[in-house]
Amino acid sequence: YIIMPFTMLVYMVKDFGVQDEREIGRLTGYLGGVTHLGALLSSYLWGLLSDRVGRKPVILLGNFCGGCAILLFGLSKSYSMAMAAR
């Protein structure tokens, strides 16, 4: 679920029209790293929400949001859309 997109990131960046190999590597790294940055920045908020409304609703909401984000990521037509979805 999480590892599979990392193997395809290079090909996605190439499909977005990037030609330079160094640029492909740099943009692929950013695209892979932004996922962990988002998790770092949002984990505290997910914890606070879980304390207020309970664990089960937050897990369900998180799974739904994660599924939507993966779907948007897979359907992205540009690098910026892929970054926003990650």
Protein backbone atom coordinates (compact mmCIF):
# COMPACT_ATOMS: atom_id res chain seq x y z
CA TYR A 1 0.00 0.00 0.00
CA ILE A 2 2.73 2.49 0.91
CA ILE A 3 5.75 0.93 -0.81
CA MET A 4 4.17 0.30 -4.21
CA PRO A 5 3.93 3.99 -5.26
CA PHE A 6 7.61 4.54 -4.45
CA THR A 7 8.66 2.11 -7.17
CA MET A 8 6.55 3.95 -9.74
CA LEU A 9 7.48 7.52 -8.81
CA VAL A 10 10.36 7.71 -11.31
CA TYR A 11 8.09 6.68 -14.17
CA MET A 12 5.36 9.08 -13.06
CA VAL A 13 7.78 12.00 -13.00
CA LYS A 14 9.02 11.03 -16.47
CA ASP A 15 5.41 10.92 -17.70
CA PHE A 16 4.93 14.46 -16.40
CA GLY A 17 7.43 15.57 -19.05
CA VAL A 18 10.65 15.89 -17.08
CA GLN A 19 13.64 14.91 -19.24
CA ASP A 20 16.77 15.67 -17.21
CA GLU A 21 17.89 12.68 -15.11
CA ARG A 22 19.05 14.82 -12.19
CA GLU A 23 15.76 16.70 -12.17
CA ILE A 24 13.85 13.41 -12.26
CA GLY A 25 15.82 12.20 -9.22
CA ARG A 26 15.28 15.44 -7.32
CA LEU A 27 11.54 15.61 -8.03
CA THR A 28 11.09 11.92 -7.26
CA GLY A 29 12.76 12.44 -3.89
CA TYR A 30 10.50 15.37 -3.09
CA LEU A 31 7.45 13.39 -4.12
CA GLY A 32 8.50 10.48 -1.90
CA GLY A 33 9.40 12.68 1.06
CA VAL A 34 6.30 14.83 1.12
CA THR A 35 4.26 11.84 2.31
CA HIS A 36 6.28 11.59 5.50
CA LEU A 37 6.25 15.34 6.00
CA GLY A 38 2.45 15.31 5.79
CA ALA A 39 2.28 12.48 8.30
CA LEU A 40 4.59 14.37 10.64
CA LEU A 41 2.55 17.56 10.44
CA SER A 42 -0.88 15.94 10.73
CA SER A 43 -0.30 13.19 13.30
CA TYR A 44 -0.77 15.51 16.27
CA LEU A 45 -4.09 16.76 14.84
CA TRP A 46 -5.27 13.19 14.21
CA GLY A 47 -4.42 12.40 17.85
CA LEU A 48 -6.35 15.39 19.15
CA LEU A 49 -9.35 14.48 17.01
CA SER A 50 -9.14 10.89 18.25
CA ASP A 51 -9.20 12.09 21.86
CA ARG A 52 -12.32 14.16 21.22
CA VAL A 53 -14.49 11.90 19.05
CA GLY A 54 -13.03 8.47 19.64
CA ARG A 55 -10.66 6.10 17.95
CA LYS A 56 -13.00 4.25 15.59
CA PRO A 57 -14.43 7.29 13.76
CA VAL A 58 -10.94 8.73 13.29
CA ILE A 59 -9.62 5.43 11.94
CA LEU A 60 -12.52 5.24 9.49
CA LEU A 61 -12.06 8.86 8.43
CA GLY A 62 -8.31 8.38 8.07
CA ASN A 63 -8.76 5.29 5.92
CA PHE A 64 -11.30 7.06 3.73
CA CYS A 65 -9.07 10.13 3.31
CA GLY A 66 -6.05 7.94 2.61
CA GLY A 67 -7.95 6.00 -0.04
CA CYS A 68 -9.10 9.21 -1.72
CA ALA A 69 -5.57 10.59 -1.66
CA ILE A 70 -4.14 7.44 -3.26
CA LEU A 71 -6.84 7.55 -5.93
CA LEU A 72 -6.08 11.20 -6.69
CA PHE A 73 -2.37 10.42 -6.74
CA GLY A 74 -2.87 7.64 -9.24
CA LEU A 75 -5.03 9.82 -11.48
CA SER A 76 -2.82 12.92 -11.29
CA LYS A 77 -1.93 14.53 -14.60
CA SER A 78 0.73 16.93 -13.32
CA TYR A 79 3.54 17.00 -10.80
CA SER A 80 1.80 19.61 -8.65
CA MET A 81 -1.36 17.52 -8.50
CA ALA A 82 0.69 14.49 -7.48
CA MET A 83 2.39 16.54 -4.73
CA ALA A 84 -0.95 17.78 -3.41
CA ALA A 85 -2.38 14.25 -3.41
CA ARG A 86 0.59 12.84 -1.51
